[in-house]
Amino acid sequence: MNIRKMLPKFNANKRGVAPVVATILVILLTVLAAMLVAKFIIPLISGNLEESTECVEVSDYFYFEDEFGYNCYTGKYDGNQFVSRLYGVSVGARASDKELSENVIGFRLAFAKDDSSKAVSVIGGENIGTGDGEIRMFDNGAEKIKLPKNGEVLTYVYTTTN
């Protein structure tokens, strides 16, 4: 069997793409790729960067105050079992410009135990909570959540059965 007869015949007169045309095609493909990156990727990244830096200027505004000894928890027992836990947290606000302190509307506290955690929002002006999983002021006379102002420290109590 002759293999040459089975293979398709190639025309010896056909040529490849000229080097100039190939160079122009590579340049066009590079420009097209750059345009796609500029159109889709850059806006996506810059939008996420703006969101991720929104709170940078207030990230050091709040701090935990250890002087009062309230950054701890205590539990109520019923026999050998926990009925509830009370977490006390003293939060202070560093002195900063007035505009910054007026724009802060709240913060979040995260309580972690073993392999689970619970985040609680502390929003200024909201009603205090006295039930399970709610936060209140250490001051029992308070009806609304207050946020610490410049140089002030406030203590919050979080109650949970977990």
N, C-alpha and C. Protein backbone atom coordinates (compact mmCIF):
# COMPACT_ATOMS: atom_id res chain seq x y z
N MET A 1 0.83 -1.17 0.00
CA MET A 1 0.00 0.00 0.00
C MET A 1 0.89 1.25 0.00
N ASN A 2 0.61 2.17 -0.85
CA ASN A 2 1.41 3.38 -0.98
C ASN A 2 0.79 4.48 -0.12
N ILE A 3 1.55 4.96 0.89
CA ILE A 3 1.05 5.95 1.84
C ILE A 3 0.88 7.30 1.16
N ARG A 4 1.69 7.61 0.17
CA ARG A 4 1.58 8.88 -0.51
C ARG A 4 0.26 9.05 -1.23
N LYS A 5 -0.30 7.99 -1.67
CA LYS A 5 -1.58 8.07 -2.38
C LYS A 5 -2.72 8.33 -1.40
N MET A 6 -2.58 7.90 -0.16
CA MET A 6 -3.64 8.06 0.83
C MET A 6 -3.64 9.47 1.44
N LEU A 7 -2.48 10.10 1.53
CA LEU A 7 -2.40 11.44 2.12
C LEU A 7 -2.92 12.47 1.13
N PRO A 8 -3.57 13.54 1.65
CA PRO A 8 -4.02 14.58 0.73
C PRO A 8 -2.83 15.28 0.11
N LYS A 9 -3.08 15.75 -1.07
CA LYS A 9 -2.00 16.44 -1.78
C LYS A 9 -1.93 17.87 -1.32
N PHE A 10 -0.71 18.33 -1.06
CA PHE A 10 -0.49 19.71 -0.64
C PHE A 10 -0.01 20.50 -1.84
N ASN A 11 -0.56 21.69 -1.92
CA ASN A 11 -0.17 22.56 -3.01
C ASN A 11 1.13 23.27 -2.61
N ALA A 12 2.14 23.11 -3.36
CA ALA A 12 3.43 23.69 -3.05
C ALA A 12 3.45 25.19 -3.24
N ASN A 13 2.43 25.72 -3.90
CA ASN A 13 2.39 27.16 -4.15
C ASN A 13 1.80 27.96 -2.98
N LYS A 14 1.16 27.30 -1.99
CA LYS A 14 0.57 28.02 -0.85
C LYS A 14 1.67 28.54 0.06
N ARG A 15 1.45 29.72 0.57
CA ARG A 15 2.42 30.34 1.45
C ARG A 15 1.81 30.57 2.82
N GLY A 16 2.65 30.78 3.84
CA GLY A 16 2.20 31.14 5.17
C GLY A 16 1.92 32.63 5.25
N VAL A 17 1.52 33.10 6.43
CA VAL A 17 1.24 34.51 6.64
C VAL A 17 2.56 35.27 6.64
N ALA A 18 2.57 36.40 5.98
CA ALA A 18 3.79 37.21 5.92
C ALA A 18 4.15 37.72 7.31
N PRO A 19 5.42 37.89 7.59
CA PRO A 19 5.85 38.37 8.92
C PRO A 19 5.25 39.72 9.29
N VAL A 20 5.05 40.60 8.36
CA VAL A 20 4.46 41.91 8.65
C VAL A 20 3.01 41.75 9.09
N VAL A 21 2.25 40.90 8.39
CA VAL A 21 0.86 40.66 8.74
C VAL A 21 0.77 39.98 10.11
N ALA A 22 1.64 39.04 10.38
CA ALA A 22 1.65 38.36 11.68
C ALA A 22 1.94 39.34 12.81
N THR A 23 2.86 40.24 12.59
CA THR A 23 3.18 41.26 13.60
C THR A 23 1.99 42.16 13.86
N ILE A 24 1.31 42.57 12.82
CA ILE A 24 0.13 43.43 12.97
C ILE A 24 -0.98 42.69 13.72
N LEU A 25 -1.19 41.41 13.41
CA LEU A 25 -2.20 40.62 14.13
C LEU A 25 -1.86 40.50 15.62
N VAL A 26 -0.60 40.26 15.96
CA VAL A 26 -0.19 40.16 17.37
C VAL A 26 -0.42 41.49 18.08
N ILE A 27 -0.10 42.60 17.43
CA ILE A 27 -0.32 43.91 18.03
C ILE A 27 -1.81 44.17 18.25
N LEU A 28 -2.64 43.81 17.27
CA LEU A 28 -4.09 43.99 17.42
C LEU A 28 -4.65 43.14 18.56
N LEU A 29 -4.19 41.91 18.66
CA LEU A 29 -4.65 41.05 19.76
C LEU A 29 -4.22 41.62 21.12
N THR A 30 -3.03 42.16 21.22
CA THR A 30 -2.54 42.76 22.46
C THR A 30 -3.37 43.99 22.84
N VAL A 31 -3.67 44.82 21.86
CA VAL A 31 -4.49 46.01 22.11
C VAL A 31 -5.89 45.60 22.54
N LEU A 32 -6.46 44.58 21.90
CA LEU A 32 -7.79 44.09 22.27
C LEU A 32 -7.81 43.55 23.70
N ALA A 33 -6.78 42.80 24.07
CA ALA A 33 -6.69 42.28 25.44
C ALA A 33 -6.57 43.42 26.45
N ALA A 34 -5.78 44.43 26.13
CA ALA A 34 -5.64 45.58 27.03
C ALA A 34 -6.96 46.34 27.17
N MET A 35 -7.70 46.45 26.10
CA MET A 35 -9.00 47.13 26.17
C MET A 35 -9.99 46.35 27.03
N LEU A 36 -9.98 45.03 26.92
CA LEU A 36 -10.87 44.22 27.74
C LEU A 36 -10.53 44.36 29.23
N VAL A 37 -9.25 44.35 29.54
CA VAL A 37 -8.83 44.54 30.93
C VAL A 37 -9.27 45.91 31.43
N ALA A 38 -9.06 46.94 30.61
CA ALA A 38 -9.44 48.30 31.02
C ALA A 38 -10.94 48.44 31.18
N LYS A 39 -11.70 47.76 30.36
CA LYS A 39 -13.17 47.90 30.39
C LYS A 39 -13.81 47.13 31.54
N PHE A 40 -13.34 45.93 31.85
CA PHE A 40 -14.02 45.08 32.82
C PHE A 40 -13.24 44.87 34.12
N ILE A 41 -11.99 44.57 34.05
CA ILE A 41 -11.22 44.20 35.24
C ILE A 41 -10.92 45.40 36.13
N ILE A 42 -10.46 46.49 35.57
CA ILE A 42 -10.08 47.66 36.38
C ILE A 42 -11.28 48.23 37.15
N PRO A 43 -12.47 48.42 36.54
CA PRO A 43 -13.61 48.90 37.33
C PRO A 43 -14.01 47.94 38.45
N LEU A 44 -13.90 46.65 38.20
CA LEU A 44 -14.25 45.66 39.22
C LEU A 44 -13.31 45.76 40.42
N ILE A 45 -12.03 45.87 40.16
CA ILE A 45 -11.05 45.95 41.24
C ILE A 45 -11.15 47.28 41.97
N SER A 46 -11.25 48.38 41.25
CA SER A 46 -11.29 49.68 41.92
C SER A 46 -12.57 49.84 42.74
N GLY A 47 -13.68 49.28 42.30
CA GLY A 47 -14.91 49.33 43.09
C GLY A 47 -14.77 48.59 44.41
N ASN A 48 -14.12 47.43 44.38
CA ASN A 48 -13.91 46.66 45.60
C ASN A 48 -12.91 47.34 46.52
N LEU A 49 -11.91 48.00 45.96
CA LEU A 49 -10.92 48.68 46.79
C LEU A 49 -11.56 49.84 47.55
N GLU A 50 -12.47 50.58 46.89
CA GLU A 50 -13.13 51.69 47.57
C GLU A 50 -13.95 51.19 48.75
N GLU A 51 -14.69 50.08 48.57
CA GLU A 51 -15.49 49.54 49.66
C GLU A 51 -14.62 49.04 50.81
N SER A 52 -13.48 48.45 50.48
CA SER A 52 -12.64 47.88 51.53
C SER A 52 -11.91 48.94 52.34
N THR A 53 -11.82 50.16 51.85
CA THR A 53 -11.13 51.21 52.59
C THR A 53 -12.07 52.22 53.22
N GLU A 54 -13.38 51.97 53.19
CA GLU A 54 -14.34 52.93 53.75
C GLU A 54 -14.11 53.16 55.24
N CYS A 55 -13.77 52.13 55.97
CA CYS A 55 -13.67 52.23 57.42
C CYS A 55 -12.24 52.38 57.93
N VAL A 56 -11.29 52.60 57.05
CA VAL A 56 -9.90 52.69 57.48
C VAL A 56 -9.70 53.84 58.45
N GLU A 57 -10.32 54.98 58.19
CA GLU A 57 -10.09 56.13 59.07
C GLU A 57 -10.73 55.96 60.45
N VAL A 58 -11.70 55.07 60.59
CA VAL A 58 -12.31 54.85 61.91
C VAL A 58 -11.89 53.53 62.53
N SER A 59 -11.00 52.79 61.88
CA SER A 59 -10.62 51.48 62.41
C SER A 59 -9.94 51.58 63.77
N ASP A 60 -9.23 52.65 64.03
CA ASP A 60 -8.58 52.82 65.33
C ASP A 60 -9.37 53.75 66.26
N TYR A 61 -10.57 54.11 65.88
CA TYR A 61 -11.38 55.02 66.69
C TYR A 61 -11.84 54.35 67.98
N PHE A 62 -12.33 53.12 67.89
CA PHE A 62 -12.79 52.38 69.08
C PHE A 62 -11.69 51.47 69.59
N TYR A 63 -11.71 51.21 70.88
CA TYR A 63 -10.76 50.29 71.49
C TYR A 63 -11.42 49.66 72.72
N PHE A 64 -10.88 48.53 73.17
CA PHE A 64 -11.36 47.88 74.39
C PHE A 64 -10.60 48.45 75.58
N GLU A 65 -11.33 48.85 76.58
CA GLU A 65 -10.74 49.41 77.80
C GLU A 65 -10.68 48.32 78.86
N ASP A 66 -9.48 47.97 79.30
CA ASP A 66 -9.30 46.91 80.29
C ASP A 66 -9.24 47.43 81.72
N GLU A 67 -9.16 48.72 81.90
CA GLU A 67 -8.98 49.30 83.23
C GLU A 67 -10.12 48.95 84.19
N PHE A 68 -11.35 48.87 83.68
CA PHE A 68 -12.50 48.64 84.54
C PHE A 68 -12.75 47.17 84.85
N GLY A 69 -12.10 46.26 84.13
CA GLY A 69 -12.24 44.84 84.39
C GLY A 69 -13.54 44.23 83.90
N TYR A 70 -14.20 44.88 82.95
CA TYR A 70 -15.48 44.36 82.46
C TYR A 70 -15.36 43.55 81.18
N ASN A 71 -14.19 43.42 80.60
CA ASN A 71 -14.04 42.63 79.39
C ASN A 71 -13.90 41.17 79.77
N CYS A 72 -15.01 40.59 80.18
CA CYS A 72 -15.02 39.22 80.67
C CYS A 72 -16.44 38.67 80.57
N TYR A 73 -16.65 37.46 81.06
CA TYR A 73 -18.01 36.94 81.12
C TYR A 73 -18.20 36.18 82.42
N THR A 74 -19.45 36.08 82.79
CA THR A 74 -19.83 35.32 83.98
C THR A 74 -21.07 34.52 83.62
N GLY A 75 -21.27 33.43 84.29
CA GLY A 75 -22.39 32.58 83.95
C GLY A 75 -23.32 32.36 85.12
N LYS A 76 -24.60 32.12 84.80
CA LYS A 76 -25.58 31.74 85.81
C LYS A 76 -25.81 30.24 85.68
N TYR A 77 -25.66 29.54 86.81
CA TYR A 77 -25.79 28.09 86.82
C TYR A 77 -27.15 27.69 87.38
N ASP A 78 -27.67 26.61 86.84
CA ASP A 78 -28.85 25.95 87.38
C ASP A 78 -28.44 24.50 87.64
N GLY A 79 -27.91 24.24 88.81
CA GLY A 79 -27.34 22.92 89.07
C GLY A 79 -25.97 22.83 88.43
N ASN A 80 -25.79 21.93 87.48
CA ASN A 80 -24.52 21.75 86.79
C ASN A 80 -24.52 22.35 85.39
N GLN A 81 -25.58 23.04 85.04
CA GLN A 81 -25.74 23.51 83.67
C GLN A 81 -25.83 25.04 83.63
N PHE A 82 -25.26 25.63 82.56
CA PHE A 82 -25.38 27.08 82.35
C PHE A 82 -26.81 27.43 81.96
N VAL A 83 -27.38 28.44 82.61
CA VAL A 83 -28.67 28.97 82.21
C VAL A 83 -28.45 30.13 81.25
N SER A 84 -27.50 30.97 81.58
CA SER A 84 -27.16 32.08 80.68
C SER A 84 -25.76 32.57 81.01
N ARG A 85 -25.19 33.29 80.03
CA ARG A 85 -23.89 33.91 80.22
C ARG A 85 -24.05 35.41 80.00
N LEU A 86 -23.35 36.18 80.80
CA LEU A 86 -23.33 37.63 80.65
C LEU A 86 -21.92 38.04 80.25
N TYR A 87 -21.82 38.70 79.13
CA TYR A 87 -20.53 39.21 78.66
C TYR A 87 -20.52 40.71 78.90
N GLY A 88 -19.49 41.20 79.56
CA GLY A 88 -19.31 42.63 79.75
C GLY A 88 -18.17 43.12 78.88
N VAL A 89 -18.41 44.23 78.18
CA VAL A 89 -17.41 44.76 77.27
C VAL A 89 -17.33 46.27 77.44
N SER A 90 -16.15 46.78 77.81
CA SER A 90 -15.93 48.22 77.92
C SER A 90 -15.27 48.70 76.64
N VAL A 91 -15.93 49.64 75.97
CA VAL A 91 -15.45 50.16 74.69
C VAL A 91 -15.22 51.65 74.83
N GLY A 92 -14.05 52.10 74.40
CA GLY A 92 -13.74 53.52 74.45
C GLY A 92 -13.58 54.09 73.06
N ALA A 93 -13.67 55.42 72.99
CA ALA A 93 -13.46 56.13 71.72
C ALA A 93 -12.27 57.06 71.89
N ARG A 94 -11.33 56.94 71.00
CA ARG A 94 -10.15 57.80 71.04
C ARG A 94 -10.54 59.21 70.61
N ALA A 95 -9.87 60.17 71.16
CA ALA A 95 -10.11 61.55 70.78
C ALA A 95 -9.72 61.73 69.32
N SER A 96 -10.62 62.29 68.54
CA SER A 96 -10.35 62.55 67.13
C SER A 96 -11.15 63.77 66.71
N ASP A 97 -11.14 64.06 65.43
CA ASP A 97 -11.88 65.24 64.99
C ASP A 97 -13.38 65.04 65.15
N LYS A 98 -14.10 66.13 65.33
CA LYS A 98 -15.53 66.10 65.62
C LYS A 98 -16.32 65.49 64.46
N GLU A 99 -15.91 65.78 63.23
CA GLU A 99 -16.63 65.27 62.06
C GLU A 99 -16.61 63.74 62.04
N LEU A 100 -15.47 63.15 62.36
CA LEU A 100 -15.36 61.70 62.39
C LEU A 100 -16.29 61.10 63.44
N SER A 101 -16.30 61.66 64.64
CA SER A 101 -17.15 61.11 65.70
C SER A 101 -18.63 61.28 65.39
N GLU A 102 -19.01 62.31 64.65
CA GLU A 102 -20.41 62.50 64.28
C GLU A 102 -20.86 61.52 63.19
N ASN A 103 -19.94 61.05 62.37
CA ASN A 103 -20.29 60.15 61.27
C ASN A 103 -20.34 58.69 61.68
N VAL A 104 -19.79 58.34 62.83
CA VAL A 104 -19.82 56.95 63.29
C VAL A 104 -21.20 56.66 63.85
N ILE A 105 -21.87 55.62 63.30
CA ILE A 105 -23.22 55.29 63.77
C ILE A 105 -23.24 54.04 64.62
N GLY A 106 -22.14 53.30 64.66
CA GLY A 106 -22.12 52.09 65.48
C GLY A 106 -20.89 51.26 65.20
N PHE A 107 -20.87 50.06 65.79
CA PHE A 107 -19.79 49.11 65.59
C PHE A 107 -20.33 47.72 65.84
N ARG A 108 -19.53 46.72 65.53
CA ARG A 108 -19.94 45.32 65.74
C ARG A 108 -18.98 44.67 66.73
N LEU A 109 -19.55 43.89 67.61
CA LEU A 109 -18.77 43.09 68.56
C LEU A 109 -18.91 41.63 68.17
N ALA A 110 -17.81 40.90 68.22
CA ALA A 110 -17.85 39.47 67.92
C ALA A 110 -17.49 38.70 69.18
N PHE A 111 -18.35 37.77 69.56
CA PHE A 111 -18.13 36.93 70.72
C PHE A 111 -17.82 35.53 70.22
N ALA A 112 -16.67 34.99 70.61
CA ALA A 112 -16.23 33.69 70.12
C ALA A 112 -16.13 32.71 71.27
N LYS A 113 -16.56 31.48 71.00
CA LYS A 113 -16.46 30.41 71.98
C LYS A 113 -16.19 29.11 71.23
N ASP A 114 -15.06 28.50 71.53
CA ASP A 114 -14.65 27.26 70.89
C ASP A 114 -14.71 27.38 69.37
N ASP A 115 -15.65 26.68 68.73
CA ASP A 115 -15.71 26.67 67.27
C ASP A 115 -16.86 27.51 66.72
N SER A 116 -17.45 28.37 67.53
CA SER A 116 -18.56 29.19 67.04
C SER A 116 -18.34 30.64 67.47
N SER A 117 -19.03 31.53 66.78
CA SER A 117 -18.95 32.95 67.12
C SER A 117 -20.28 33.61 66.81
N LYS A 118 -20.49 34.75 67.44
CA LYS A 118 -21.72 35.51 67.25
C LYS A 118 -21.34 36.98 67.17
N ALA A 119 -21.78 37.66 66.13
CA ALA A 119 -21.52 39.09 65.97
C ALA A 119 -22.78 39.86 66.33
N VAL A 120 -22.59 40.93 67.08
CA VAL A 120 -23.71 41.76 67.53
C VAL A 120 -23.45 43.20 67.10
N SER A 121 -24.45 43.83 66.50
CA SER A 121 -24.33 45.23 66.09
C SER A 121 -24.70 46.13 67.25
N VAL A 122 -23.88 47.13 67.49
CA VAL A 122 -24.14 48.14 68.50
C VAL A 122 -24.37 49.45 67.74
N ILE A 123 -25.63 49.82 67.60
CA ILE A 123 -26.00 50.99 66.81
C ILE A 123 -26.54 52.06 67.77
N GLY A 124 -25.96 53.24 67.69
CA GLY A 124 -26.38 54.33 68.56
C GLY A 124 -27.83 54.72 68.32
N GLY A 125 -28.59 54.90 69.41
CA GLY A 125 -29.98 55.33 69.34
C GLY A 125 -30.98 54.21 69.27
N GLU A 126 -30.54 52.96 69.08
CA GLU A 126 -31.48 51.84 69.05
C GLU A 126 -31.90 51.48 70.47
N ASN A 127 -33.07 50.85 70.60
CA ASN A 127 -33.54 50.42 71.90
C ASN A 127 -32.62 49.32 72.45
N ILE A 128 -32.45 49.31 73.76
CA ILE A 128 -31.62 48.28 74.37
C ILE A 128 -32.39 46.96 74.33
N GLY A 129 -31.66 45.87 74.34
CA GLY A 129 -32.27 44.55 74.37
C GLY A 129 -31.98 43.87 75.68
N THR A 130 -32.96 43.18 76.21
CA THR A 130 -32.77 42.47 77.48
C THR A 130 -32.90 40.97 77.31
N GLY A 131 -33.23 40.52 76.12
CA GLY A 131 -33.42 39.10 75.89
C GLY A 131 -32.15 38.39 75.46
N ASP A 132 -32.31 37.12 75.14
CA ASP A 132 -31.20 36.29 74.71
C ASP A 132 -30.64 36.80 73.38
N GLY A 133 -29.33 36.98 73.32
CA GLY A 133 -28.68 37.42 72.10
C GLY A 133 -28.80 38.91 71.84
N GLU A 134 -29.16 39.69 72.84
CA GLU A 134 -29.31 41.13 72.66
C GLU A 134 -28.30 41.87 73.53
N ILE A 135 -28.05 43.10 73.16
CA ILE A 135 -27.06 43.91 73.87
C ILE A 135 -27.75 45.07 74.57
N ARG A 136 -27.22 45.43 75.74
CA ARG A 136 -27.77 46.56 76.49
C ARG A 136 -26.62 47.32 77.12
N MET A 137 -26.94 48.49 77.64
CA MET A 137 -25.95 49.29 78.34
C MET A 137 -25.76 48.72 79.75
N PHE A 138 -24.58 48.88 80.31
CA PHE A 138 -24.32 48.46 81.69
C PHE A 138 -25.15 49.29 82.65
N ASP A 139 -25.41 50.54 82.28
CA ASP A 139 -26.27 51.43 83.06
C ASP A 139 -27.71 50.95 82.90
N ASN A 140 -28.30 50.40 83.97
CA ASN A 140 -29.65 49.82 83.88
C ASN A 140 -30.73 50.85 83.59
N GLY A 141 -30.46 52.14 83.80
CA GLY A 141 -31.46 53.17 83.54
C GLY A 141 -31.54 53.57 82.07
N ALA A 142 -30.60 53.13 81.27
CA ALA A 142 -30.56 53.53 79.86
C ALA A 142 -31.64 52.79 79.07
N GLU A 143 -32.32 53.52 78.20
CA GLU A 143 -33.33 52.91 77.34
C GLU A 143 -32.85 52.76 75.90
N LYS A 144 -31.85 53.53 75.54
CA LYS A 144 -31.30 53.51 74.19
C LYS A 144 -29.80 53.22 74.25
N ILE A 145 -29.31 52.61 73.19
CA ILE A 145 -27.87 52.35 73.08
C ILE A 145 -27.16 53.68 72.84
N LYS A 146 -26.11 53.91 73.59
CA LYS A 146 -25.27 55.10 73.41
C LYS A 146 -23.92 54.64 72.89
N LEU A 147 -23.30 55.49 72.10
CA LEU A 147 -21.94 55.23 71.63
C LEU A 147 -20.98 56.13 72.38
N PRO A 148 -19.79 55.63 72.68
CA PRO A 148 -18.82 56.50 73.35
C PRO A 148 -18.40 57.65 72.45
N LYS A 149 -18.31 58.82 73.02
CA LYS A 149 -17.83 60.02 72.30
C LYS A 149 -16.33 60.13 72.52
N ASN A 150 -15.72 61.15 71.97
CA ASN A 150 -14.28 61.35 72.06
C ASN A 150 -13.78 61.26 73.49
N GLY A 151 -12.90 60.31 73.77
CA GLY A 151 -12.30 60.15 75.10
C GLY A 151 -13.19 59.47 76.12
N GLU A 152 -14.37 59.03 75.77
CA GLU A 152 -15.32 58.42 76.70
C GLU A 152 -15.26 56.89 76.60
N VAL A 153 -15.57 56.20 77.70
CA VAL A 153 -15.64 54.74 77.74
C VAL A 153 -17.02 54.35 78.24
N LEU A 154 -17.68 53.44 77.52
CA LEU A 154 -18.99 52.92 77.92
C LEU A 154 -18.91 51.41 77.99
N THR A 155 -19.72 50.81 78.86
CA THR A 155 -19.72 49.37 79.03
C THR A 155 -21.05 48.81 78.57
N TYR A 156 -20.98 47.71 77.84
CA TYR A 156 -22.15 47.04 77.28
C TYR A 156 -22.23 45.63 77.85
N VAL A 157 -23.45 45.09 77.93
CA VAL A 157 -23.66 43.75 78.44
C VAL A 157 -24.41 42.95 77.38
N TYR A 158 -23.89 41.77 77.07
CA TYR A 158 -24.49 40.88 76.10
C TYR A 158 -24.91 39.61 76.84
N THR A 159 -26.15 39.20 76.70
CA THR A 159 -26.68 38.03 77.37
C THR A 159 -26.97 36.94 76.36
N THR A 160 -26.56 35.72 76.67
CA THR A 160 -26.84 34.61 75.77
C THR A 160 -26.95 33.31 76.55
N THR A 161 -27.70 32.37 75.99
CA THR A 161 -27.80 31.04 76.60
C THR A 161 -26.80 30.08 75.97
N ASN A 162 -26.11 30.53 74.94
CA ASN A 162 -25.10 29.67 74.27
C ASN A 162 -23.78 29.76 74.99
